[in-house]
N, C-alpha and C. Protein backbone atom coordinates (compact mmCIF):
# COMPACT_ATOMS: atom_id res chain seq x y z
N MET A 1 119.11 96.10 107.05
CA MET A 1 117.71 96.29 106.72
C MET A 1 117.15 97.52 107.45
N TYR A 2 115.98 97.94 107.02
CA TYR A 2 115.44 99.21 107.48
C TYR A 2 113.96 99.08 107.85
N ASN A 3 113.54 99.89 108.81
CA ASN A 3 112.11 99.99 109.13
C ASN A 3 111.80 101.45 109.46
N LEU A 4 110.94 102.05 108.66
CA LEU A 4 110.66 103.48 108.80
C LEU A 4 109.26 103.74 109.36
N HIS A 5 108.77 102.82 110.19
CA HIS A 5 107.45 103.02 110.80
C HIS A 5 107.45 102.32 112.16
N CYS A 6 107.89 103.04 113.19
CA CYS A 6 108.01 102.50 114.54
C CYS A 6 107.35 103.47 115.53
N HIS A 7 106.66 102.90 116.51
CA HIS A 7 106.03 103.72 117.55
C HIS A 7 106.67 103.45 118.91
N SER A 8 106.68 104.49 119.72
CA SER A 8 107.22 104.39 121.07
C SER A 8 106.16 104.89 122.06
N LEU A 9 106.53 104.98 123.34
CA LEU A 9 105.57 105.50 124.31
C LEU A 9 105.36 107.01 124.20
N LEU A 10 106.01 107.64 123.21
CA LEU A 10 105.68 109.03 122.93
C LEU A 10 104.28 109.15 122.32
N SER A 11 103.74 108.03 121.82
CA SER A 11 102.33 108.00 121.41
C SER A 11 101.71 106.73 121.99
N ASP A 12 101.37 105.75 121.15
CA ASP A 12 100.68 104.56 121.67
C ASP A 12 101.53 103.31 121.66
N GLY A 13 102.85 103.47 121.59
CA GLY A 13 103.74 102.33 121.72
C GLY A 13 104.01 102.00 123.17
N ALA A 14 104.69 100.88 123.40
CA ALA A 14 104.93 100.40 124.76
C ALA A 14 106.33 100.69 125.28
N LEU A 15 107.25 101.08 124.39
CA LEU A 15 108.65 101.17 124.76
C LEU A 15 109.21 102.58 124.58
N LEU A 16 110.23 102.89 125.36
CA LEU A 16 111.01 104.10 125.12
C LEU A 16 111.67 104.03 123.74
N PRO A 17 111.91 105.17 123.10
CA PRO A 17 112.61 105.12 121.81
C PRO A 17 113.92 104.36 121.85
N SER A 18 114.67 104.49 122.95
CA SER A 18 115.95 103.78 123.05
C SER A 18 115.75 102.27 123.05
N GLU A 19 114.69 101.79 123.72
CA GLU A 19 114.44 100.35 123.72
C GLU A 19 113.92 99.88 122.37
N VAL A 20 113.14 100.71 121.70
CA VAL A 20 112.71 100.39 120.34
C VAL A 20 113.95 100.16 119.47
N ALA A 21 114.89 101.09 119.55
CA ALA A 21 116.11 100.98 118.75
C ALA A 21 116.89 99.71 119.09
N MET A 22 117.05 99.43 120.37
CA MET A 22 117.84 98.27 120.77
C MET A 22 117.18 96.96 120.35
N ARG A 23 115.86 96.90 120.41
CA ARG A 23 115.17 95.68 119.98
C ARG A 23 115.27 95.49 118.47
N TYR A 24 115.22 96.58 117.72
CA TYR A 24 115.41 96.46 116.28
C TYR A 24 116.84 96.05 115.95
N LEU A 25 117.80 96.59 116.68
CA LEU A 25 119.18 96.17 116.47
C LEU A 25 119.34 94.68 116.73
N ASP A 26 118.73 94.20 117.78
CA ASP A 26 118.80 92.78 118.13
C ASP A 26 118.21 91.89 117.04
N LYS A 27 117.23 92.43 116.31
CA LYS A 27 116.61 91.66 115.22
C LYS A 27 117.40 91.75 113.92
N GLY A 28 118.42 92.60 113.88
CA GLY A 28 119.26 92.66 112.69
C GLY A 28 119.07 93.87 111.81
N TYR A 29 118.38 94.91 112.29
CA TYR A 29 118.16 96.11 111.48
C TYR A 29 119.35 97.07 111.62
N LYS A 30 119.55 97.87 110.57
CA LYS A 30 120.64 98.86 110.55
C LYS A 30 120.14 100.28 110.76
N LEU A 31 118.87 100.52 110.45
CA LEU A 31 118.34 101.88 110.53
C LEU A 31 116.82 101.81 110.74
N ILE A 32 116.33 102.68 111.63
CA ILE A 32 114.88 102.82 111.83
C ILE A 32 114.53 104.29 111.90
N ALA A 33 113.24 104.56 111.83
CA ALA A 33 112.72 105.90 112.11
C ALA A 33 111.67 105.77 113.21
N ILE A 34 111.73 106.63 114.19
CA ILE A 34 110.70 106.71 115.22
C ILE A 34 109.60 107.62 114.67
N THR A 35 108.40 107.08 114.49
CA THR A 35 107.33 107.80 113.80
C THR A 35 106.04 107.75 114.65
N ASP A 36 106.04 108.48 115.73
CA ASP A 36 104.87 108.42 116.61
C ASP A 36 103.68 109.19 116.06
N HIS A 37 102.49 108.74 116.47
CA HIS A 37 101.24 109.34 116.01
C HIS A 37 101.13 110.79 116.47
N ALA A 38 100.61 111.65 115.58
CA ALA A 38 100.47 113.06 115.94
C ALA A 38 99.31 113.71 115.19
N ASP A 39 98.68 114.66 115.87
CA ASP A 39 97.73 115.59 115.25
C ASP A 39 98.00 116.95 115.89
N TYR A 40 97.09 117.88 115.78
CA TYR A 40 97.34 119.21 116.33
C TYR A 40 97.51 119.19 117.85
N SER A 41 96.95 118.19 118.52
CA SER A 41 97.00 118.17 119.98
C SER A 41 98.38 117.89 120.54
N ASN A 42 99.20 117.16 119.78
CA ASN A 42 100.48 116.72 120.37
C ASN A 42 101.68 116.83 119.44
N ILE A 43 101.49 117.38 118.23
CA ILE A 43 102.59 117.32 117.27
C ILE A 43 103.83 118.06 117.75
N GLN A 44 103.66 119.17 118.43
CA GLN A 44 104.83 119.91 118.90
C GLN A 44 105.62 119.10 119.92
N SER A 45 104.92 118.51 120.89
CA SER A 45 105.61 117.74 121.92
C SER A 45 106.24 116.47 121.35
N VAL A 46 105.55 115.80 120.43
CA VAL A 46 106.11 114.60 119.83
C VAL A 46 107.35 114.92 119.01
N ILE A 47 107.28 115.96 118.20
CA ILE A 47 108.43 116.35 117.39
C ILE A 47 109.60 116.76 118.27
N ASN A 48 109.34 117.58 119.29
CA ASN A 48 110.43 118.03 120.16
C ASN A 48 111.11 116.85 120.85
N ALA A 49 110.31 115.92 121.36
CA ALA A 49 110.87 114.77 122.07
C ALA A 49 111.65 113.86 121.11
N THR A 50 111.10 113.64 119.92
CA THR A 50 111.77 112.77 118.95
C THR A 50 113.08 113.39 118.49
N LEU A 51 113.08 114.67 118.21
CA LEU A 51 114.31 115.34 117.79
C LEU A 51 115.34 115.35 118.91
N GLU A 52 114.90 115.56 120.13
CA GLU A 52 115.83 115.54 121.27
C GLU A 52 116.48 114.17 121.39
N PHE A 53 115.67 113.13 121.24
CA PHE A 53 116.21 111.78 121.33
C PHE A 53 117.21 111.51 120.21
N THR A 54 116.85 111.80 118.98
CA THR A 54 117.74 111.47 117.87
C THR A 54 119.00 112.33 117.86
N ARG A 55 118.91 113.56 118.36
CA ARG A 55 120.12 114.41 118.44
C ARG A 55 121.16 113.79 119.38
N HIS A 56 120.67 113.12 120.42
CA HIS A 56 121.58 112.56 121.41
C HIS A 56 121.89 111.08 121.16
N TRP A 57 121.33 110.52 120.10
CA TRP A 57 121.65 109.14 119.77
C TRP A 57 123.09 109.09 119.25
N PRO A 58 123.93 108.20 119.77
CA PRO A 58 125.35 108.20 119.39
C PRO A 58 125.54 108.02 117.88
N SER A 59 126.40 108.82 117.33
CA SER A 59 126.66 108.75 115.89
C SER A 59 127.35 107.45 115.50
N ASP A 60 128.02 106.80 116.47
CA ASP A 60 128.71 105.55 116.18
C ASP A 60 127.91 104.33 116.63
N ALA A 61 126.63 104.51 116.94
CA ALA A 61 125.79 103.38 117.33
C ALA A 61 125.65 102.40 116.18
N LYS A 62 125.41 101.14 116.50
CA LYS A 62 125.30 100.11 115.46
C LYS A 62 123.98 100.18 114.71
N ILE A 63 123.06 100.97 115.19
CA ILE A 63 121.81 101.21 114.47
C ILE A 63 121.57 102.71 114.41
N LYS A 64 121.21 103.21 113.24
CA LYS A 64 120.89 104.63 113.08
C LYS A 64 119.41 104.84 113.34
N VAL A 65 119.09 106.01 113.89
CA VAL A 65 117.70 106.35 114.19
C VAL A 65 117.38 107.72 113.60
N LEU A 66 116.39 107.76 112.72
CA LEU A 66 115.95 109.01 112.12
C LEU A 66 114.70 109.52 112.82
N PRO A 67 114.55 110.84 112.92
CA PRO A 67 113.33 111.40 113.52
C PRO A 67 112.18 111.41 112.52
N GLY A 68 111.05 110.88 112.95
CA GLY A 68 109.88 110.85 112.09
C GLY A 68 108.60 111.17 112.84
N VAL A 69 107.50 111.10 112.14
CA VAL A 69 106.18 111.34 112.74
C VAL A 69 105.15 110.66 111.83
N GLU A 70 104.05 110.21 112.43
CA GLU A 70 102.94 109.69 111.64
C GLU A 70 101.71 110.56 111.85
N LEU A 71 101.30 111.28 110.83
CA LEU A 71 100.11 112.12 110.88
C LEU A 71 98.89 111.20 110.81
N THR A 72 98.05 111.25 111.83
CA THR A 72 97.08 110.18 112.06
C THR A 72 95.66 110.70 112.23
N HIS A 73 94.71 110.12 111.45
CA HIS A 73 93.28 110.42 111.57
C HIS A 73 92.99 111.92 111.54
N LEU A 74 93.61 112.61 110.61
CA LEU A 74 93.44 114.06 110.54
C LEU A 74 92.22 114.43 109.70
N PRO A 75 91.58 115.55 110.02
CA PRO A 75 90.68 116.16 109.05
C PRO A 75 91.48 116.45 107.78
N LEU A 76 90.86 116.33 106.63
CA LEU A 76 91.62 116.34 105.38
C LEU A 76 92.45 117.59 105.17
N GLY A 77 91.94 118.72 105.59
CA GLY A 77 92.66 119.97 105.37
C GLY A 77 93.86 120.17 106.26
N GLN A 78 94.11 119.25 107.19
CA GLN A 78 95.21 119.43 108.13
C GLN A 78 96.49 118.71 107.71
N PHE A 79 96.43 117.86 106.69
CA PHE A 79 97.64 117.14 106.31
C PHE A 79 98.74 118.06 105.83
N GLN A 80 98.42 118.99 104.93
CA GLN A 80 99.48 119.84 104.40
C GLN A 80 100.11 120.75 105.46
N PRO A 81 99.33 121.48 106.27
CA PRO A 81 99.99 122.34 107.26
C PRO A 81 100.81 121.56 108.28
N LEU A 82 100.33 120.41 108.71
CA LEU A 82 101.08 119.66 109.70
C LEU A 82 102.31 118.98 109.08
N ALA A 83 102.20 118.54 107.85
CA ALA A 83 103.38 117.99 107.18
C ALA A 83 104.44 119.08 106.98
N SER A 84 104.01 120.25 106.60
CA SER A 84 104.95 121.36 106.42
C SER A 84 105.61 121.72 107.75
N TYR A 85 104.82 121.76 108.82
CA TYR A 85 105.36 122.07 110.15
C TYR A 85 106.40 121.03 110.56
N ALA A 86 106.08 119.75 110.34
CA ALA A 86 107.01 118.69 110.71
C ALA A 86 108.31 118.82 109.91
N ARG A 87 108.20 119.05 108.62
CA ARG A 87 109.39 119.16 107.76
C ARG A 87 110.25 120.36 108.19
N GLU A 88 109.61 121.49 108.40
CA GLU A 88 110.34 122.69 108.79
C GLU A 88 110.99 122.54 110.16
N SER A 89 110.43 121.67 111.00
CA SER A 89 110.97 121.45 112.34
C SER A 89 112.18 120.53 112.34
N GLY A 90 112.42 119.85 111.23
CA GLY A 90 113.58 118.97 111.15
C GLY A 90 113.27 117.49 111.09
N ILE A 91 112.00 117.15 110.95
CA ILE A 91 111.62 115.74 110.85
C ILE A 91 112.05 115.20 109.48
N LYS A 92 112.68 114.03 109.48
CA LYS A 92 113.20 113.44 108.24
C LYS A 92 112.19 112.55 107.53
N ILE A 93 111.40 111.79 108.30
CA ILE A 93 110.48 110.81 107.72
C ILE A 93 109.05 111.15 108.15
N ILE A 94 108.23 111.55 107.18
CA ILE A 94 106.83 111.88 107.47
C ILE A 94 105.95 110.78 106.89
N VAL A 95 105.25 110.11 107.80
CA VAL A 95 104.32 109.05 107.44
C VAL A 95 102.91 109.58 107.60
N ALA A 96 102.01 109.19 106.72
CA ALA A 96 100.59 109.51 106.87
C ALA A 96 99.82 108.22 107.08
N HIS A 97 98.91 108.23 108.01
CA HIS A 97 98.07 107.08 108.33
C HIS A 97 97.00 106.96 107.24
N GLY A 98 97.14 105.93 106.40
CA GLY A 98 96.26 105.78 105.25
C GLY A 98 94.93 105.12 105.58
N GLU A 99 94.17 104.87 104.52
CA GLU A 99 92.80 104.38 104.65
C GLU A 99 92.75 102.86 104.83
N THR A 100 93.33 102.39 105.91
CA THR A 100 93.28 100.98 106.25
C THR A 100 91.83 100.49 106.33
N PRO A 101 91.57 99.24 105.95
CA PRO A 101 90.20 98.72 106.02
C PRO A 101 89.76 98.36 107.43
N VAL A 102 90.63 98.43 108.42
CA VAL A 102 90.28 97.97 109.77
C VAL A 102 90.11 99.10 110.78
N GLU A 103 90.11 100.35 110.31
CA GLU A 103 89.87 101.48 111.20
C GLU A 103 88.96 102.49 110.49
N PRO A 104 88.22 103.29 111.24
CA PRO A 104 87.32 104.28 110.62
C PRO A 104 88.07 105.53 110.17
N VAL A 105 88.78 105.41 109.07
CA VAL A 105 89.56 106.52 108.53
C VAL A 105 88.69 107.33 107.56
N VAL A 106 88.77 108.64 107.63
CA VAL A 106 87.96 109.52 106.80
C VAL A 106 88.23 109.25 105.32
N LYS A 107 87.18 109.06 104.55
CA LYS A 107 87.32 108.87 103.11
C LYS A 107 87.97 110.11 102.49
N GLY A 108 88.92 109.88 101.63
CA GLY A 108 89.67 110.99 101.04
C GLY A 108 91.01 111.22 101.71
N THR A 109 91.27 110.47 102.80
CA THR A 109 92.53 110.63 103.53
C THR A 109 93.73 110.32 102.64
N ASN A 110 93.67 109.24 101.86
CA ASN A 110 94.81 108.90 101.00
C ASN A 110 95.15 110.04 100.06
N THR A 111 94.13 110.63 99.43
CA THR A 111 94.37 111.72 98.49
C THR A 111 94.96 112.93 99.18
N ALA A 112 94.35 113.34 100.30
CA ALA A 112 94.83 114.52 101.03
C ALA A 112 96.26 114.32 101.51
N ALA A 113 96.56 113.14 101.99
CA ALA A 113 97.92 112.87 102.47
C ALA A 113 98.92 112.89 101.32
N LEU A 114 98.57 112.29 100.20
CA LEU A 114 99.49 112.25 99.06
C LEU A 114 99.74 113.63 98.46
N LYS A 115 98.81 114.53 98.63
CA LYS A 115 99.01 115.89 98.15
C LYS A 115 99.87 116.72 99.08
N ALA A 116 100.10 116.22 100.29
CA ALA A 116 100.93 116.93 101.27
C ALA A 116 102.39 116.49 101.14
N ASP A 117 103.25 117.09 101.94
CA ASP A 117 104.68 116.81 101.88
C ASP A 117 105.01 115.61 102.78
N ILE A 118 104.64 114.42 102.33
CA ILE A 118 104.91 113.21 103.10
C ILE A 118 105.88 112.32 102.34
N ASP A 119 106.43 111.33 103.05
CA ASP A 119 107.34 110.36 102.44
C ASP A 119 106.70 109.01 102.24
N ILE A 120 105.81 108.62 103.17
CA ILE A 120 105.23 107.29 103.17
C ILE A 120 103.73 107.39 103.46
N LEU A 121 102.93 106.70 102.65
CA LEU A 121 101.51 106.52 102.96
C LEU A 121 101.37 105.12 103.55
N ALA A 122 101.11 105.07 104.85
CA ALA A 122 101.04 103.79 105.54
C ALA A 122 99.73 103.08 105.25
N HIS A 123 99.82 101.76 105.18
CA HIS A 123 98.64 100.89 105.02
C HIS A 123 97.49 101.60 104.30
N PRO A 124 97.64 101.87 102.99
CA PRO A 124 96.66 102.66 102.25
C PRO A 124 95.39 101.92 101.87
N GLY A 125 95.26 100.66 102.29
CA GLY A 125 94.02 99.93 102.05
C GLY A 125 93.73 99.73 100.57
N LEU A 126 92.47 99.85 100.20
CA LEU A 126 92.05 99.65 98.81
C LEU A 126 92.22 100.96 98.04
N ILE A 127 93.45 101.36 97.89
CA ILE A 127 93.80 102.64 97.30
C ILE A 127 93.31 102.73 95.85
N SER A 128 92.82 103.89 95.46
CA SER A 128 92.26 104.07 94.12
C SER A 128 93.36 104.21 93.07
N GLU A 129 92.96 104.03 91.82
CA GLU A 129 93.91 104.18 90.72
C GLU A 129 94.44 105.61 90.65
N ASP A 130 93.57 106.60 90.88
CA ASP A 130 94.02 107.99 90.85
C ASP A 130 95.07 108.25 91.92
N ASP A 131 94.88 107.66 93.10
CA ASP A 131 95.85 107.85 94.17
C ASP A 131 97.14 107.09 93.90
N LEU A 132 97.05 105.94 93.26
CA LEU A 132 98.25 105.22 92.86
C LEU A 132 99.08 106.06 91.88
N LYS A 133 98.41 106.70 90.93
CA LYS A 133 99.10 107.56 89.97
C LYS A 133 99.72 108.77 90.68
N LEU A 134 98.99 109.34 91.65
CA LEU A 134 99.50 110.48 92.39
C LEU A 134 100.73 110.09 93.20
N ALA A 135 100.68 108.92 93.83
CA ALA A 135 101.84 108.44 94.60
C ALA A 135 103.05 108.26 93.70
N LYS A 136 102.82 107.69 92.52
CA LYS A 136 103.92 107.50 91.57
C LYS A 136 104.50 108.85 91.15
N ASP A 137 103.64 109.79 90.79
CA ASP A 137 104.11 111.08 90.30
C ASP A 137 104.91 111.83 91.36
N LYS A 138 104.55 111.66 92.63
CA LYS A 138 105.23 112.38 93.71
C LYS A 138 106.36 111.57 94.34
N GLY A 139 106.50 110.32 93.93
CA GLY A 139 107.57 109.49 94.49
C GLY A 139 107.36 109.10 95.93
N ILE A 140 106.10 109.03 96.36
CA ILE A 140 105.78 108.68 97.75
C ILE A 140 105.68 107.16 97.87
N PHE A 141 106.26 106.62 98.92
CA PHE A 141 106.22 105.19 99.16
C PHE A 141 104.86 104.76 99.68
N LEU A 142 104.37 103.62 99.18
CA LEU A 142 103.16 102.99 99.67
C LEU A 142 103.57 101.77 100.47
N GLU A 143 102.95 101.60 101.61
CA GLU A 143 103.45 100.64 102.59
C GLU A 143 102.84 99.24 102.50
N ILE A 144 103.72 98.27 102.38
CA ILE A 144 103.39 96.87 102.65
C ILE A 144 103.72 96.64 104.12
N THR A 145 102.74 96.21 104.91
CA THR A 145 102.91 96.20 106.36
C THR A 145 102.76 94.81 106.96
N SER A 146 103.44 94.60 108.06
CA SER A 146 103.27 93.37 108.83
C SER A 146 102.23 93.53 109.94
N ARG A 147 101.69 94.73 110.08
CA ARG A 147 100.75 95.02 111.16
C ARG A 147 99.44 94.25 110.98
N LYS A 148 99.04 93.53 112.01
CA LYS A 148 97.81 92.73 111.97
C LYS A 148 96.62 93.61 111.59
N GLY A 149 95.77 93.12 110.73
CA GLY A 149 94.61 93.89 110.28
C GLY A 149 94.97 94.74 109.07
N HIS A 150 95.88 95.67 109.24
CA HIS A 150 96.31 96.51 108.12
C HIS A 150 96.84 95.66 106.97
N ALA A 151 97.48 94.55 107.31
CA ALA A 151 98.13 93.70 106.30
C ALA A 151 97.14 93.00 105.37
N LYS A 152 95.85 93.02 105.70
CA LYS A 152 94.86 92.36 104.86
C LYS A 152 94.85 92.92 103.43
N ALA A 153 95.20 94.19 103.28
CA ALA A 153 95.16 94.82 101.95
C ALA A 153 96.49 94.72 101.21
N ASN A 154 97.49 94.05 101.78
CA ASN A 154 98.79 93.94 101.12
C ASN A 154 98.71 93.36 99.71
N PRO A 155 98.01 92.24 99.50
CA PRO A 155 97.96 91.67 98.14
C PRO A 155 97.31 92.62 97.12
N TYR A 156 96.27 93.32 97.54
CA TYR A 156 95.63 94.31 96.67
C TYR A 156 96.64 95.37 96.26
N LEU A 157 97.39 95.88 97.23
CA LEU A 157 98.35 96.94 96.95
C LEU A 157 99.47 96.47 96.05
N VAL A 158 99.98 95.28 96.30
CA VAL A 158 101.08 94.76 95.49
C VAL A 158 100.68 94.69 94.02
N GLY A 159 99.51 94.12 93.74
CA GLY A 159 99.07 93.97 92.37
C GLY A 159 98.91 95.27 91.63
N ARG A 160 98.42 96.28 92.31
CA ARG A 160 98.14 97.55 91.64
C ARG A 160 99.32 98.50 91.63
N ALA A 161 100.18 98.42 92.62
CA ALA A 161 101.35 99.30 92.64
C ALA A 161 102.25 99.05 91.44
N PHE A 162 102.47 97.80 91.10
CA PHE A 162 103.32 97.50 89.95
C PHE A 162 102.66 97.91 88.64
N LYS A 163 101.36 97.79 88.58
CA LYS A 163 100.64 98.20 87.37
C LYS A 163 100.86 99.67 87.08
N PHE A 164 100.91 100.50 88.12
CA PHE A 164 101.03 101.95 87.93
C PHE A 164 102.44 102.47 88.22
N GLY A 165 103.33 101.60 88.60
CA GLY A 165 104.71 102.02 88.82
C GLY A 165 104.94 102.77 90.10
N ALA A 166 104.08 102.57 91.09
CA ALA A 166 104.23 103.27 92.37
C ALA A 166 105.31 102.61 93.22
N ARG A 167 105.97 103.40 94.05
CA ARG A 167 107.02 102.89 94.90
C ARG A 167 106.41 102.18 96.12
N LEU A 168 107.04 101.09 96.52
CA LEU A 168 106.60 100.34 97.70
C LEU A 168 107.69 100.36 98.77
N ILE A 169 107.25 100.17 100.01
CA ILE A 169 108.17 100.05 101.13
C ILE A 169 107.63 98.98 102.07
N LEU A 170 108.53 98.26 102.72
CA LEU A 170 108.16 97.23 103.69
C LEU A 170 108.39 97.78 105.09
N ASN A 171 107.35 97.76 105.92
CA ASN A 171 107.44 98.30 107.28
C ASN A 171 106.72 97.40 108.28
N ASN A 172 107.15 97.51 109.54
CA ASN A 172 106.54 96.74 110.61
C ASN A 172 105.37 97.45 111.28
N ASP A 173 105.40 98.79 111.33
CA ASP A 173 104.38 99.54 112.08
C ASP A 173 104.30 98.99 113.50
N SER A 174 105.45 98.91 114.16
CA SER A 174 105.52 98.28 115.48
C SER A 174 105.02 99.19 116.59
N HIS A 175 104.30 98.60 117.53
CA HIS A 175 103.83 99.28 118.74
C HIS A 175 104.29 98.54 120.00
N GLN A 176 104.22 97.22 119.95
CA GLN A 176 104.58 96.37 121.07
C GLN A 176 105.86 95.60 120.76
N PRO A 177 106.54 95.07 121.77
CA PRO A 177 107.77 94.31 121.50
C PRO A 177 107.56 93.17 120.51
N GLU A 178 106.41 92.48 120.60
CA GLU A 178 106.17 91.35 119.72
C GLU A 178 105.95 91.76 118.26
N ASP A 179 105.72 93.06 118.01
CA ASP A 179 105.57 93.55 116.63
C ASP A 179 106.90 93.66 115.91
N ILE A 180 107.98 93.66 116.65
CA ILE A 180 109.31 93.87 116.06
C ILE A 180 109.83 92.54 115.54
N ILE A 181 109.50 92.26 114.30
CA ILE A 181 109.91 91.00 113.68
C ILE A 181 111.20 91.20 112.89
N SER A 182 111.83 90.10 112.55
CA SER A 182 113.11 90.17 111.85
C SER A 182 112.92 90.61 110.40
N PRO A 183 113.99 91.10 109.77
CA PRO A 183 113.89 91.44 108.35
C PRO A 183 113.44 90.26 107.50
N GLU A 184 113.89 89.07 107.85
CA GLU A 184 113.50 87.88 107.09
C GLU A 184 112.00 87.61 107.19
N GLU A 185 111.44 87.82 108.39
CA GLU A 185 110.01 87.63 108.57
C GLU A 185 109.21 88.68 107.80
N LEU A 186 109.73 89.90 107.77
CA LEU A 186 109.07 90.97 107.04
C LEU A 186 109.08 90.68 105.54
N VAL A 187 110.20 90.20 105.03
CA VAL A 187 110.28 89.85 103.62
C VAL A 187 109.32 88.70 103.30
N ALA A 188 109.20 87.75 104.21
CA ALA A 188 108.28 86.63 103.99
C ALA A 188 106.84 87.12 103.84
N ILE A 189 106.47 88.14 104.60
CA ILE A 189 105.13 88.72 104.48
C ILE A 189 104.96 89.37 103.11
N ALA A 190 105.99 90.06 102.64
CA ALA A 190 105.94 90.68 101.31
C ALA A 190 105.81 89.63 100.21
N LEU A 191 106.54 88.54 100.34
CA LEU A 191 106.46 87.48 99.35
C LEU A 191 105.08 86.84 99.34
N LYS A 192 104.51 86.66 100.51
CA LYS A 192 103.16 86.10 100.62
C LYS A 192 102.13 87.01 99.97
N ALA A 193 102.39 88.31 100.01
CA ALA A 193 101.47 89.28 99.41
C ALA A 193 101.57 89.33 97.90
N GLY A 194 102.58 88.68 97.33
CA GLY A 194 102.69 88.62 95.88
C GLY A 194 103.95 89.21 95.28
N LEU A 195 104.83 89.76 96.11
CA LEU A 195 106.09 90.28 95.60
C LEU A 195 107.04 89.13 95.29
N SER A 196 107.88 89.31 94.29
CA SER A 196 108.95 88.36 94.02
C SER A 196 110.18 88.75 94.83
N ARG A 197 111.12 87.83 94.95
CA ARG A 197 112.37 88.13 95.65
C ARG A 197 113.11 89.25 94.93
N GLU A 198 113.07 89.23 93.61
CA GLU A 198 113.74 90.28 92.82
C GLU A 198 113.09 91.64 93.07
N ALA A 199 111.77 91.66 93.19
CA ALA A 199 111.07 92.92 93.45
C ALA A 199 111.42 93.46 94.83
N VAL A 200 111.54 92.57 95.81
CA VAL A 200 111.94 92.99 97.16
C VAL A 200 113.33 93.60 97.13
N ASP A 201 114.24 92.98 96.40
CA ASP A 201 115.60 93.51 96.29
C ASP A 201 115.58 94.91 95.67
N ARG A 202 114.75 95.10 94.64
CA ARG A 202 114.66 96.42 94.00
C ARG A 202 114.10 97.46 94.97
N ILE A 203 113.12 97.06 95.76
CA ILE A 203 112.53 97.97 96.74
C ILE A 203 113.59 98.44 97.72
N TYR A 204 114.41 97.52 98.22
CA TYR A 204 115.43 97.90 99.19
C TYR A 204 116.54 98.75 98.56
N LYS A 205 116.88 98.49 97.32
CA LYS A 205 117.89 99.31 96.64
C LYS A 205 117.38 100.75 96.47
N GLU A 206 116.12 100.88 96.10
CA GLU A 206 115.54 102.21 95.95
C GLU A 206 115.46 102.92 97.29
N LEU A 207 115.13 102.16 98.33
CA LEU A 207 115.06 102.74 99.67
C LEU A 207 116.43 103.21 100.14
N GLU A 208 117.47 102.47 99.81
CA GLU A 208 118.82 102.88 100.19
C GLU A 208 119.18 104.24 99.60
N GLN A 209 118.81 104.47 98.35
CA GLN A 209 119.07 105.77 97.74
C GLN A 209 118.29 106.88 98.43
N PHE A 210 117.05 106.60 98.76
CA PHE A 210 116.22 107.56 99.48
C PHE A 210 116.84 107.90 100.83
N LEU A 211 117.32 106.90 101.56
CA LEU A 211 117.88 107.13 102.88
C LEU A 211 119.20 107.90 102.81
N LYS A 212 119.99 107.66 101.80
CA LYS A 212 121.23 108.43 101.63
C LYS A 212 120.90 109.92 101.48
N GLN A 213 119.85 110.19 100.71
CA GLN A 213 119.42 111.57 100.55
C GLN A 213 118.95 112.17 101.86
N LYS A 214 118.16 111.41 102.63
CA LYS A 214 117.63 111.91 103.90
C LYS A 214 118.73 112.14 104.91
N GLU A 215 119.67 111.23 104.98
CA GLU A 215 120.77 111.37 105.93
C GLU A 215 121.67 112.54 105.57
N GLY A 216 121.70 112.90 104.29
CA GLY A 216 122.55 114.00 103.85
C GLY A 216 121.92 115.37 104.00
N GLU A 217 120.63 115.41 104.30
CA GLU A 217 119.93 116.70 104.42
C GLU A 217 120.31 117.44 105.70
């Protein structure tokens, strides 16, 4: 199983990246991405530290770790330049912090993020039909999350994503040790939000193809 939205003490998480990886391995995951929060104030240091960590992660480790970043609470015009900077620097997984209903996120963030070079729009809240179509057209994953508060919009997203054919992804958005739940618990949250078991299987198959491409880059 996979989780492409994990935080460490490089931003507001509680654990070193190595401990994040080991705790995910203990829960049964095969691959994660370290995706710490970043804006113009810290993106260089976060990217450098994340890349340094993943470069030295053993290639024969039982869990793979990809370098990522989460572009968070940005002014709308900053998503594209920072996404481009992250991609050019070698970041594999670019997450954008979407318009969750439980934080004061700037209106228009979902649209601006989807127009940038990102892979995942995290907890997009009550995402509009236009943004659902944009996500589908660009092949960007929309996140079903286990994160408390953010998860309130999961049922809304499930119902509309299938209507418009947008891609979904299941993520933990972990910050603390207790956020790192098992793959089975994560799937249970997706099922509660309205996904079928067959739909979950399709999501993971599609994600596997995406990850093969990322690992080959």
